[in-house]
PDB file of N, CA and C in Angstrom:
ATOM      1  N   UNK A   1      -9.479 -14.059   9.168  1.00  0.00           N
ATOM      2  CA  UNK A   1      -8.991 -13.285   8.349  1.00  0.00           C
ATOM      3  C   UNK A   1      -8.526 -13.882   7.226  1.00  0.00           C
ATOM      4  N   UNK A   2      -8.428 -13.531   5.838  1.00  0.00           N
ATOM      5  CA  UNK A   2      -7.521 -14.502   5.066  1.00  0.00           C
ATOM      6  C   UNK A   2      -6.669 -13.679   4.490  1.00  0.00           C
ATOM      7  N   UNK A   3      -5.298 -13.619   4.817  1.00  0.00           N
ATOM      8  CA  UNK A   3      -4.851 -12.736   4.647  1.00  0.00           C
ATOM      9  C   UNK A   3      -4.440 -12.575   3.132  1.00  0.00           C
ATOM     10  N   UNK A   4      -4.129 -13.612   2.540  1.00  0.00           N
ATOM     11  CA  UNK A   4      -3.881 -13.362   0.910  1.00  0.00           C
ATOM     12  C   UNK A   4      -5.329 -12.709   0.675  1.00  0.00           C
ATOM     13  N   UNK A   5      -6.666 -12.903   0.336  1.00  0.00           N
ATOM     14  CA  UNK A   5      -7.443 -12.338   0.239  1.00  0.00           C
ATOM     15  C   UNK A   5      -7.544 -10.936   0.445  1.00  0.00           C
ATOM     16  N   UNK A   6      -7.051 -10.528   1.699  1.00  0.00           N
ATOM     17  CA  UNK A   6      -6.853  -8.680   1.663  1.00  0.00           C
ATOM     18  C   UNK A   6      -5.762  -8.204   0.932  1.00  0.00           C
ATOM     19  N   UNK A   7      -4.495  -9.231   1.215  1.00  0.00           N
ATOM     20  CA  UNK A   7      -3.314  -8.845  -0.099  1.00  0.00           C
ATOM     21  C   UNK A   7      -4.028  -8.486  -1.616  1.00  0.00           C
ATOM     22  N   UNK A   8      -4.777  -9.282  -1.839  1.00  0.00           N
ATOM     23  CA  UNK A   8      -5.302  -9.651  -3.413  1.00  0.00           C
ATOM     24  C   UNK A   8      -6.106  -8.217  -3.506  1.00  0.00           C
ATOM     25  N   UNK A   9      -6.892  -7.980  -2.340  1.00  0.00           N
ATOM     26  CA  UNK A   9      -7.581  -6.809  -2.384  1.00  0.00           C
ATOM     27  C   UNK A   9      -7.234  -5.445  -2.366  1.00  0.00           C
ATOM     28  N   UNK A  10      -5.957  -5.390  -1.533  1.00  0.00           N
ATOM     29  CA  UNK A  10      -5.432  -4.263  -1.359  1.00  0.00           C
ATOM     30  C   UNK A  10      -4.736  -4.056  -2.863  1.00  0.00           C
ATOM     31  N   UNK A  11      -4.167  -4.948  -3.735  1.00  0.00           N
ATOM     32  CA  UNK A  11      -3.778  -4.737  -4.866  1.00  0.00           C
ATOM     33  C   UNK A  11      -4.517  -4.442  -6.058  1.00  0.00           C
ATOM     34  N   UNK A  12      -5.913  -4.695  -6.024  1.00  0.00           N
ATOM     35  CA  UNK A  12      -6.768  -4.675  -6.838  1.00  0.00           C
ATOM     36  C   UNK A  12      -7.590  -3.261  -6.991  1.00  0.00           C
ATOM     37  N   UNK A  13      -7.583  -3.234  -5.212  1.00  0.00           N
ATOM     38  CA  UNK A  13      -7.752  -0.962  -5.544  1.00  0.00           C
ATOM     39  C   UNK A  13      -7.142  -0.422  -5.379  1.00  0.00           C
ATOM     40  N   UNK A  14      -5.623  -0.953  -5.084  1.00  0.00           N
ATOM     41  CA  UNK A  14      -4.485   0.340  -5.761  1.00  0.00           C
ATOM     42  C   UNK A  14      -4.565   0.273  -7.094  1.00  0.00           C
ATOM     43  N   UNK A  15      -4.702  -0.621  -8.114  1.00  0.00           N
ATOM     44  CA  UNK A  15      -4.486  -0.995  -9.312  1.00  0.00           C
ATOM     45  C   UNK A  15      -5.592   0.028 -10.264  1.00  0.00           C
ATOM     46  N   UNK A  16      -6.838  -0.222  -9.714  1.00  0.00           N
ATOM     47  CA  UNK A  16      -7.975   0.383 -10.181  1.00  0.00           C
ATOM     48  C   UNK A  16      -8.079   2.070  -9.788  1.00  0.00           C
ATOM     49  N   UNK A  17      -7.335   2.246  -8.992  1.00  0.00           N
ATOM     50  CA  UNK A  17      -7.301   3.629  -8.578  1.00  0.00           C
ATOM     51  C   UNK A  17      -5.815   4.293  -9.342  1.00  0.00           C
ATOM     52  N   UNK A  18      -4.701   3.646  -9.233  1.00  0.00           N
ATOM     53  CA  UNK A  18      -3.491   4.138  -9.711  1.00  0.00           C
ATOM     54  C   UNK A  18      -3.896   4.308 -10.776  1.00  0.00           C
ATOM     55  N   UNK A  19      -3.832   3.421 -11.755  1.00  0.00           N
ATOM     56  CA  UNK A  19      -3.633   3.171 -12.890  1.00  0.00           C
ATOM     57  C   UNK A  19      -4.694   3.449 -13.903  1.00  0.00           C
ATOM     58  N   UNK A  20      -6.038   4.620 -13.303  1.00  0.00           N
ATOM     59  CA  UNK A  20      -6.936   5.040 -13.937  1.00  0.00           C
ATOM     60  C   UNK A  20      -6.519   6.729 -13.771  1.00  0.00           C
ATOM     61  N   UNK A  21      -5.906   6.719 -12.728  1.00  0.00           N
ATOM     62  CA  UNK A  21      -5.412   8.183 -12.091  1.00  0.00           C
ATOM     63  C   UNK A  21      -4.302   8.762 -12.784  1.00  0.00           C
ATOM     64  N   UNK A  22      -3.215   7.429 -12.823  1.00  0.00           N
ATOM     65  CA  UNK A  22      -1.747   7.961 -13.336  1.00  0.00           C
ATOM     66  C   UNK A  22      -1.779   7.027 -14.450  1.00  0.00           C
ATOM     67  N   UNK A  23      -2.316   7.126 -15.815  1.00  0.00           N
ATOM     68  CA  UNK A  23      -2.085   6.491 -16.873  1.00  0.00           C
ATOM     69  C   UNK A  23      -0.829   7.078 -17.235  1.00  0.00           C
ATOM     70  N   UNK A  24      -0.149   7.831 -17.050  1.00  0.00           N
ATOM     71  CA  UNK A  24       0.899   8.351 -18.035  1.00  0.00           C
ATOM     72  C   UNK A  24       2.578   7.700 -17.103  1.00  0.00           C
ATOM     73  N   UNK A  25       2.199   7.080 -16.165  1.00  0.00           N
ATOM     74  CA  UNK A  25       3.005   6.114 -15.342  1.00  0.00           C
ATOM     75  C   UNK A  25       2.850   4.641 -14.735  1.00  0.00           C
ATOM     76  N   UNK A  26       1.831   3.870 -15.633  1.00  0.00           N
ATOM     77  CA  UNK A  26       1.214   2.995 -15.355  1.00  0.00           C
ATOM     78  C   UNK A  26       2.214   1.919 -15.597  1.00  0.00           C
ATOM     79  N   UNK A  27       2.755   2.159 -16.089  1.00  0.00           N
ATOM     80  CA  UNK A  27       3.541   0.546 -16.183  1.00  0.00           C
ATOM     81  C   UNK A  27       4.984   0.991 -15.235  1.00  0.00           C
ATOM     82  N   UNK A  28       5.269   1.934 -14.926  1.00  0.00           N
ATOM     83  CA  UNK A  28       6.020   2.172 -13.959  1.00  0.00           C
ATOM     84  C   UNK A  28       5.955   1.717 -12.662  1.00  0.00           C
ATOM     85  N   UNK A  29       4.195   2.137 -12.043  1.00  0.00           N
ATOM     86  CA  UNK A  29       3.689   2.146 -11.104  1.00  0.00           C
ATOM     87  C   UNK A  29       3.646   0.620 -10.911  1.00  0.00           C
ATOM     88  N   UNK A  30       3.226  -0.109 -11.739  1.00  0.00           N
ATOM     89  CA  UNK A  30       2.824  -1.794 -11.681  1.00  0.00           C
ATOM     90  C   UNK A  30       4.278  -2.083 -11.285  1.00  0.00           C
ATOM     91  N   UNK A  31       5.225  -2.089 -11.802  1.00  0.00           N
ATOM     92  CA  UNK A  31       6.561  -2.579 -11.520  1.00  0.00           C
ATOM     93  C   UNK A  31       7.118  -2.145  -9.907  1.00  0.00           C
ATOM     94  N   UNK A  32       6.690  -1.028  -9.238  1.00  0.00           N
ATOM     95  CA  UNK A  32       6.977  -0.609  -7.914  1.00  0.00           C
ATOM     96  C   UNK A  32       5.908  -1.399  -7.210  1.00  0.00           C
ATOM     97  N   UNK A  33       4.486  -1.739  -8.245  1.00  0.00           N
ATOM     98  CA  UNK A  33       3.721  -2.077  -6.531  1.00  0.00           C
ATOM     99  C   UNK A  33       3.827  -3.746  -6.679  1.00  0.00           C
ATOM    100  N   UNK A  34       4.668  -4.329  -7.483  1.00  0.00           N
ATOM    101  CA  UNK A  34       4.978  -6.032  -7.696  1.00  0.00           C
ATOM    102  C   UNK A  34       6.350  -5.661  -6.618  1.00  0.00           C
ATOM    103  N   UNK A  35       7.289  -4.801  -7.044  1.00  0.00           N
ATOM    104  CA  UNK A  35       8.320  -5.118  -5.999  1.00  0.00           C
ATOM    105  C   UNK A  35       7.711  -4.948  -4.358  1.00  0.00           C
ATOM    106  N   UNK A  36       6.960  -4.063  -4.165  1.00  0.00           N
ATOM    107  CA  UNK A  36       6.650  -3.460  -2.726  1.00  0.00           C
ATOM    108  C   UNK A  36       5.637  -4.695  -2.067  1.00  0.00           C
ATOM    109  N   UNK A  37       4.918  -5.497  -3.151  1.00  0.00           N
ATOM    110  CA  UNK A  37       4.321  -6.923  -2.780  1.00  0.00           C
ATOM    111  C   UNK A  37       5.334  -7.730  -2.475  1.00  0.00           C
ATOM    112  N   UNK A  38       6.132  -7.996  -3.034  1.00  0.00           N
ATOM    113  CA  UNK A  38       6.798  -9.572  -3.495  1.00  0.00           C
ATOM    114  C   UNK A  38       7.829  -8.835  -1.633  1.00  0.00           C
ATOM    115  N   UNK A  39       8.357  -7.645  -1.477  1.00  0.00           N
ATOM    116  CA  UNK A  39       9.292  -7.628  -0.826  1.00  0.00           C
ATOM    117  C   UNK A  39       8.165  -7.438   0.846  1.00  0.00           C
ATOM    118  N   UNK A  40       7.124  -6.795   1.087  1.00  0.00           N
ATOM    119  CA  UNK A  40       6.383  -6.191   1.995  1.00  0.00           C
ATOM    120  C   UNK A  40       5.468  -7.479   2.165  1.00  0.00           C
ATOM    121  N   UNK A  41       5.120  -8.521   1.877  1.00  0.00           N
ATOM    122  CA  UNK A  41       4.272  -9.320   1.707  1.00  0.00           C
ATOM    123  C   UNK A  41       3.800  -9.601   3.439  1.00  0.00           C
ATOM    124  N   UNK A  42       5.050 -10.686   3.818  1.00  0.00           N
ATOM    125  CA  UNK A  42       5.250 -11.062   4.504  1.00  0.00           C
ATOM    126  C   UNK A  42       4.711  -9.743   6.288  1.00  0.00           C
ATOM    127  N   UNK A  43       5.172  -9.089   6.267  1.00  0.00           N
ATOM    128  CA  UNK A  43       5.422  -7.879   7.048  1.00  0.00           C
ATOM    129  C   UNK A  43       3.639  -7.334   6.753  1.00  0.00           C
ATOM    130  N   UNK A  44       3.196  -7.155   5.797  1.00  0.00           N
ATOM    131  CA  UNK A  44       1.310  -6.788   5.838  1.00  0.00           C
ATOM    132  C   UNK A  44       0.881  -7.600   6.649  1.00  0.00           C
ATOM    133  N   UNK A  45       1.398  -9.434   6.765  1.00  0.00           N
ATOM    134  CA  UNK A  45       0.410  -9.815   6.776  1.00  0.00           C
ATOM    135  C   UNK A  45       0.709 -10.203   8.196  1.00  0.00           C
ATOM    136  N   UNK A  46       1.650  -9.585   8.767  1.00  0.00           N
ATOM    137  CA  UNK A  46       2.080  -9.953  10.369  1.00  0.00           C
ATOM    138  C   UNK A  46       1.872  -8.507  11.146  1.00  0.00           C
ATOM    139  N   UNK A  47       1.363  -7.143  10.211  1.00  0.00           N
ATOM    140  CA  UNK A  47       0.742  -6.501  10.750  1.00  0.00           C
ATOM    141  C   UNK A  47      -0.763  -5.993  11.152  1.00  0.00           C
ATOM    142  N   UNK A  48      -1.222  -6.592   9.854  1.00  0.00           N
ATOM    143  CA  UNK A  48      -2.687  -7.059   9.924  1.00  0.00           C
ATOM    144  C   UNK A  48      -3.106  -8.236  11.384  1.00  0.00           C
ATOM    145  N   UNK A  49      -2.238  -9.314  11.481  1.00  0.00           N
ATOM    146  CA  UNK A  49      -2.919  -9.441  12.687  1.00  0.00           C
ATOM    147  C   UNK A  49      -2.506  -8.698  13.960  1.00  0.00           C
ATOM    148  N   UNK A  50      -1.463  -8.175  14.030  1.00  0.00           N
ATOM    149  CA  UNK A  50      -0.998  -7.227  14.855  1.00  0.00           C
ATOM    150  C   UNK A  50      -2.471  -5.939  15.374  1.00  0.00           C
ATOM    151  N   UNK A  51      -2.984  -5.509  14.300  1.00  0.00           N
ATOM    152  CA  UNK A  51      -3.802  -4.469  13.664  1.00  0.00           C
ATOM    153  C   UNK A  51      -4.672  -5.162  14.726  1.00  0.00           C
ATOM    154  N   UNK A  52      -5.257  -6.513  13.976  1.00  0.00           N
ATOM    155  CA  UNK A  52      -6.531  -7.075  14.312  1.00  0.00           C
ATOM    156  C   UNK A  52      -6.687  -7.669  16.332  1.00  0.00           C
ATOM    157  N   UNK A  53      -5.588  -7.922  16.460  1.00  0.00           N
ATOM    158  CA  UNK A  53      -5.916  -8.586  17.973  1.00  0.00           C
ATOM    159  C   UNK A  53      -5.223  -7.126  18.830  1.00  0.00           C
ATOM    160  N   UNK A  54      -4.970  -5.853  18.115  1.00  0.00           N
ATOM    161  CA  UNK A  54      -5.250  -4.876  19.174  1.00  0.00           C
ATOM    162  C   UNK A  54      -3.863  -4.636  19.502  1.00  0.00           C
ATOM    163  N   UNK A  55      -2.628  -5.002  19.029  1.00  0.00           N
ATOM    164  CA  UNK A  55      -1.511  -5.009  19.521  1.00  0.00           C
ATOM    165  C   UNK A  55      -0.677  -3.614  19.053  1.00  0.00           C
ATOM    166  N   UNK A  56      -1.147  -3.008  17.449  1.00  0.00           N
ATOM    167  CA  UNK A  56      -0.659  -2.135  17.422  1.00  0.00           C
ATOM    168  C   UNK A  56      -2.409  -1.008  17.136  1.00  0.00           C
ATOM    169  N   UNK A  57      -1.918   0.240  16.770  1.00  0.00           N
ATOM    170  CA  UNK A  57      -3.349   1.277  17.012  1.00  0.00           C
ATOM    171  C   UNK A  57      -3.011   0.860  15.270  1.00  0.00           C
ATOM    172  N   UNK A  58      -4.235   1.898  14.637  1.00  0.00           N
ATOM    173  CA  UNK A  58      -4.322   2.686  13.522  1.00  0.00           C
ATOM    174  C   UNK A  58      -3.111   3.287  12.934  1.00  0.00           C
ATOM    175  N   UNK A  59      -2.445   4.387  13.905  1.00  0.00           N
ATOM    176  CA  UNK A  59      -1.623   5.291  13.920  1.00  0.00           C
ATOM    177  C   UNK A  59      -0.396   4.367  13.691  1.00  0.00           C
ATOM    178  N   UNK A  60       0.000   3.296  14.416  1.00  0.00           N
ATOM    179  CA  UNK A  60       1.327   2.614  14.371  1.00  0.00           C
ATOM    180  C   UNK A  60       1.088   1.690  13.012  1.00  0.00           C
ATOM    181  N   UNK A  61       0.190   1.270  12.377  1.00  0.00           N
ATOM    182  CA  UNK A  61       0.320   0.881  11.078  1.00  0.00           C
ATOM    183  C   UNK A  61       0.524   1.556  10.394  1.00  0.00           C
ATOM    184  N   UNK A  62      -0.305   2.853  10.669  1.00  0.00           N
ATOM    185  CA  UNK A  62       0.214   3.976   9.056  1.00  0.00           C
ATOM    186  C   UNK A  62       1.289   4.112   9.029  1.00  0.00           C
ATOM    187  N   UNK A  63       2.201   4.441  10.406  1.00  0.00           N
ATOM    188  CA  UNK A  63       3.625   4.497  10.288  1.00  0.00           C
ATOM    189  C   UNK A  63       4.754   3.436   9.703  1.00  0.00           C
ATOM    190  N   UNK A  64       4.026   2.282  10.050  1.00  0.00           N
ATOM    191  CA  UNK A  64       4.718   0.986   9.690  1.00  0.00           C
ATOM    192  C   UNK A  64       4.696   0.939   8.224  1.00  0.00           C
ATOM    193  N   UNK A  65       3.484   1.631   7.381  1.00  0.00           N
ATOM    194  CA  UNK A  65       3.304   1.222   5.863  1.00  0.00           C
ATOM    195  C   UNK A  65       3.876   2.258   5.375  1.00  0.00           C
ATOM    196  N   UNK A  66       3.921   3.572   5.974  1.00  0.00           N
ATOM    197  CA  UNK A  66       5.454   4.596   5.464  1.00  0.00           C
ATOM    198  C   UNK A  66       6.324   4.435   5.734  1.00  0.00           C
ATOM    199  N   UNK A  67       7.154   3.740   6.432  1.00  0.00           N
ATOM    200  CA  UNK A  67       8.099   3.526   6.814  1.00  0.00           C
ATOM    201  C   UNK A  67       8.487   2.689   5.553  1.00  0.00           C
ATOM    202  N   UNK A  68       7.524   1.304   4.952  1.00  0.00           N
ATOM    203  CA  UNK A  68       7.859   0.826   4.336  1.00  0.00           C
ATOM    204  C   UNK A  68       7.878   0.979   3.308  1.00  0.00           C
ATOM    205  N   UNK A  69       6.800   1.545   2.927  1.00  0.00           N
ATOM    206  CA  UNK A  69       6.724   2.752   1.303  1.00  0.00           C
ATOM    207  C   UNK A  69       8.261   3.250   0.919  1.00  0.00           C
ATOM    208  N   UNK A  70       8.574   3.977   1.891  1.00  0.00           N
ATOM    209  CA  UNK A  70       9.896   4.779   1.847  1.00  0.00           C
ATOM    210  C   UNK A  70      11.250   3.692   1.607  1.00  0.00           C
ATOM    211  N   UNK A  71      11.171   2.575   2.158  1.00  0.00           N
ATOM    212  CA  UNK A  71      12.093   1.859   1.780  1.00  0.00           C
ATOM    213  C   UNK A  71      12.140   1.463   0.103  1.00  0.00           C
ATOM    214  N   UNK A  72      10.741   0.541  -0.325  1.00  0.00           N
ATOM    215  CA  UNK A  72      11.076   0.094  -1.475  1.00  0.00           C
ATOM    216  C   UNK A  72      10.283   0.100  -2.613  1.00  0.00           C
ATOM    217  N   UNK A  73       9.477   1.567  -1.970  1.00  0.00           N
ATOM    218  CA  UNK A  73       8.081   1.227  -3.386  1.00  0.00           C
ATOM    219  C   UNK A  73       8.786   2.991  -4.379  1.00  0.00           C
ATOM    220  N   UNK A  74       8.369   2.838  -5.229  1.00  0.00           N
ATOM    221  CA  UNK A  74       8.831   4.277  -6.345  1.00  0.00           C
ATOM    222  C   UNK A  74       9.910   4.342  -6.696  1.00  0.00           C
ATOM    223  N   UNK A  75      10.708   3.335  -6.538  1.00  0.00           N
ATOM    224  CA  UNK A  75      12.180   3.498  -7.076  1.00  0.00           C
ATOM    225  C   UNK A  75      12.499   3.308  -8.598  1.00  0.00           C
ATOM    226  N   UNK A  76      11.093   2.906  -9.297  1.00  0.00           N
ATOM    227  CA  UNK A  76      11.204   3.070 -11.012  1.00  0.00           C
ATOM    228  C   UNK A  76      10.907   4.376 -11.068  1.00  0.00           C
ATOM    229  N   UNK A  77       9.849   4.841 -10.441  1.00  0.00           N
ATOM    230  CA  UNK A  77       9.394   6.198 -10.233  1.00  0.00           C
ATOM    231  C   UNK A  77      10.405   7.278 -10.049  1.00  0.00           C
ATOM    232  N   UNK A  78      10.994   7.366  -9.606  1.00  0.00           N
ATOM    233  CA  UNK A  78      12.177   7.775  -8.828  1.00  0.00           C
ATOM    234  C   UNK A  78      13.217   7.891  -9.912  1.00  0.00           C
ATOM    235  N   UNK A  79      13.543   6.696 -10.383  1.00  0.00           N
ATOM    236  CA  UNK A  79      14.954   6.859 -11.677  1.00  0.00           C
ATOM    237  C   UNK A  79      14.147   7.380 -12.563  1.00  0.00           C
ATOM    238  N   UNK A  80      12.520   7.420 -12.947  1.00  0.00           N
ATOM    239  CA  UNK A  80      12.586   8.174 -13.862  1.00  0.00           C
ATOM    240  C   UNK A  80      12.028   9.370 -14.308  1.00  0.00           C
ATOM    241  N   UNK A  81      12.155  10.608 -12.953  1.00  0.00           N
ATOM    242  CA  UNK A  81      12.472  11.938 -12.548  1.00  0.00           C
ATOM    243  C   UNK A  81      11.334  12.142 -12.387  1.00  0.00           C
ATOM    244  N   UNK A  82      10.469  11.227 -11.795  1.00  0.00           N
ATOM    245  CA  UNK A  82       9.254  11.900 -11.130  1.00  0.00           C
ATOM    246  C   UNK A  82       9.224  13.016 -10.117  1.00  0.00           C
ATOM    247  N   UNK A  83       8.559  13.945 -10.159  1.00  0.00           N
ATOM    248  CA  UNK A  83       8.702  14.756  -9.020  1.00  0.00           C
ATOM    249  C   UNK A  83       8.615  14.566  -7.470  1.00  0.00           C
ATOM    250  N   UNK A  84       9.566  14.963  -6.159  1.00  0.00           N
ATOM    251  CA  UNK A  84       9.096  14.542  -5.420  1.00  0.00           C
ATOM    252  C   UNK A  84       7.708  14.446  -4.397  1.00  0.00           C
ATOM    253  N   UNK A  85       7.193  15.692  -5.649  1.00  0.00           N
ATOM    254  CA  UNK A  85       5.725  16.530  -4.884  1.00  0.00           C
ATOM    255  C   UNK A  85       4.848  15.209  -5.096  1.00  0.00           C
ATOM    256  N   UNK A  86       4.829  14.912  -6.783  1.00  0.00           N
ATOM    257  CA  UNK A  86       3.759  13.662  -7.391  1.00  0.00           C
ATOM    258  C   UNK A  86       4.348  12.575  -6.695  1.00  0.00           C
ATOM    259  N   UNK A  87       5.670  12.143  -6.348  1.00  0.00           N
ATOM    260  CA  UNK A  87       6.212  10.847  -5.394  1.00  0.00           C
ATOM    261  C   UNK A  87       5.359  10.747  -3.710  1.00  0.00           C
ATOM    262  N   UNK A  88       5.421  11.953  -3.307  1.00  0.00           N
ATOM    263  CA  UNK A  88       4.887  12.188  -2.043  1.00  0.00           C
ATOM    264  C   UNK A  88       2.983  11.944  -1.836  1.00  0.00           C
ATOM    265  N   UNK A  89       2.476  12.722  -3.030  1.00  0.00           N
ATOM    266  CA  UNK A  89       1.310  12.054  -3.250  1.00  0.00           C
ATOM    267  C   UNK A  89       1.088  10.700  -3.413  1.00  0.00           C
ATOM    268  N   UNK A  90       1.882  10.395  -4.174  1.00  0.00           N
ATOM    269  CA  UNK A  90       1.441   9.243  -4.318  1.00  0.00           C
ATOM    270  C   UNK A  90       1.448   7.836  -3.338  1.00  0.00           C
ATOM    271  N   UNK A  91       2.561   8.361  -2.310  1.00  0.00           N
ATOM    272  CA  UNK A  91       2.815   7.576  -1.216  1.00  0.00           C
ATOM    273  C   UNK A  91       1.591   7.748  -0.199  1.00  0.00           C
ATOM    274  N   UNK A  92       1.253   8.784  -0.398  1.00  0.00           N
ATOM    275  CA  UNK A  92       0.126   9.286   0.504  1.00  0.00           C
ATOM    276  C   UNK A  92      -0.801   8.544   0.302  1.00  0.00           C
ATOM    277  N   UNK A  93      -1.315   8.689  -0.829  1.00  0.00           N
ATOM    278  CA  UNK A  93      -2.748   7.790  -1.442  1.00  0.00           C
ATOM    279  C   UNK A  93      -2.274   6.024  -1.351  1.00  0.00           C
ATOM    280  N   UNK A  94      -1.127   5.803  -1.372  1.00  0.00           N
ATOM    281  CA  UNK A  94      -1.073   4.234  -1.316  1.00  0.00           C
ATOM    282  C   UNK A  94      -1.466   3.737  -0.023  1.00  0.00           C
ATOM    283  N   UNK A  95      -0.917   4.660   0.761  1.00  0.00           N
ATOM    284  CA  UNK A  95      -0.958   4.476   2.585  1.00  0.00           C
ATOM    285  C   UNK A  95      -2.633   4.541   2.706  1.00  0.00           C
ATOM    286  N   UNK A  96      -2.996   5.928   2.206  1.00  0.00           N
ATOM    287  CA  UNK A  96      -4.809   5.440   2.601  1.00  0.00           C
ATOM    288  C   UNK A  96      -5.468   4.277   1.987  1.00  0.00           C
ATOM    289  N   UNK A  97      -5.081   3.846   0.726  1.00  0.00           N
ATOM    290  CA  UNK A  97      -6.006   2.848   0.243  1.00  0.00           C
ATOM    291  C   UNK A  97      -5.639   2.074   1.381  1.00  0.00           C
ATOM    292  N   UNK A  98      -4.679   1.505   1.429  1.00  0.00           N
ATOM    293  CA  UNK A  98      -4.089   0.238   1.964  1.00  0.00           C
ATOM    294  C   UNK A  98      -4.848  -0.095   3.703  1.00  0.00           C
ATOM    295  N   UNK A  99      -4.504   1.013   4.328  1.00  0.00           N
ATOM    296  CA  UNK A  99      -5.237   1.245   5.540  1.00  0.00           C
ATOM    297  C   UNK A  99      -6.548   1.456   5.266  1.00  0.00           C
ATOM    298  N   UNK A 100      -7.339   1.658   4.308  1.00  0.00           N
ATOM    299  CA  UNK A 100      -9.183   1.587   4.035  1.00  0.00           C
ATOM    300  C   UNK A 100      -9.141   0.266   4.374  1.00  0.00           C
ATOM    301  N   UNK A 101      -8.732  -0.565   3.109  1.00  0.00           N
ATOM    302  CA  UNK A 101      -8.946  -2.150   2.969  1.00  0.00           C
ATOM    303  C   UNK A 101      -8.548  -3.061   3.974  1.00  0.00           C
ATOM    304  N   UNK A 102      -7.797  -2.373   4.985  1.00  0.00           N
ATOM    305  CA  UNK A 102      -7.793  -3.214   5.991  1.00  0.00           C
ATOM    306  C   UNK A 102      -8.594  -2.795   7.118  1.00  0.00           C
ATOM    307  N   UNK A 103      -8.839  -1.958   7.331  1.00  0.00           N
ATOM    308  CA  UNK A 103     -10.032  -1.547   8.371  1.00  0.00           C
ATOM    309  C   UNK A 103     -11.106  -1.912   8.049  1.00  0.00           C
ATOM    310  N   UNK A 104     -11.541  -1.783   6.705  1.00  0.00           N
ATOM    311  CA  UNK A 104     -13.302  -2.323   6.188  1.00  0.00           C
ATOM    312  C   UNK A 104     -12.684  -3.842   6.554  1.00  0.00           C
ATOM    313  N   UNK A 105     -11.513  -4.890   6.690  1.00  0.00           N
ATOM    314  CA  UNK A 105     -11.809  -6.091   6.702  1.00  0.00           C
ATOM    315  C   UNK A 105     -11.922  -6.327   8.149  1.00  0.00           C
ATOM    316  N   UNK A 106     -10.679  -5.720   8.751  1.00  0.00           N
ATOM    317  CA  UNK A 106     -10.870  -6.019  10.313  1.00  0.00           C
ATOM    318  C   UNK A 106     -12.095  -5.583  10.993  1.00  0.00           C
ATOM    319  N   UNK A 107     -12.228  -4.064  10.723  1.00  0.00           N
ATOM    320  CA  UNK A 107     -13.422  -3.369  10.960  1.00  0.00           C
ATOM    321  C   UNK A 107     -14.570  -3.371  10.759  1.00  0.00           C
ATOM    322  N   UNK A 108     -15.812  -3.977   9.972  1.00  0.00           N
ATOM    323  CA  UNK A 108     -16.444  -3.998   8.976  1.00  0.00           C
ATOM    324  C   UNK A 108     -17.112  -3.109   9.537  1.00  0.00           C
ATOM    325  N   UNK A 109     -17.590  -2.426   8.400  1.00  0.00           N
ATOM    326  CA  UNK A 109     -18.593  -1.354   8.389  1.00  0.00           C
ATOM    327  C   UNK A 109     -19.989  -1.565   8.442  1.00  0.00           C
ATOM    328  N   UNK A 110     -20.933  -1.053   9.271  1.00  0.00           N
ATOM    329  CA  UNK A 110     -22.696  -1.903   9.511  1.00  0.00           C
ATOM    330  C   UNK A 110     -23.482  -1.283   8.898  1.00  0.00           C
TER     331      UNK A 110
END
């Protein structure tokens, strides 16, 4: 498994979905995504390895992703007064997309 390629796939998937869905906050999302990946890349790589070897479950991986998002992501959006409901929706969708990309790589569909 090429972790750099998986991370790039996650970035591209997030950009396509979110930048098209949230055109009004695109620049803020871009800043937050860049910060997230800068801070989280090594953790994401470690978690992908742990998940692929069965050392953590999908639920544990999801919990780790949610925790990391709560810590580092969406600071720019929060600072610009985005509602908590909309922030939570964005966070949930980010976790779904990251999980989907990781699952597709680790457990390829037949």
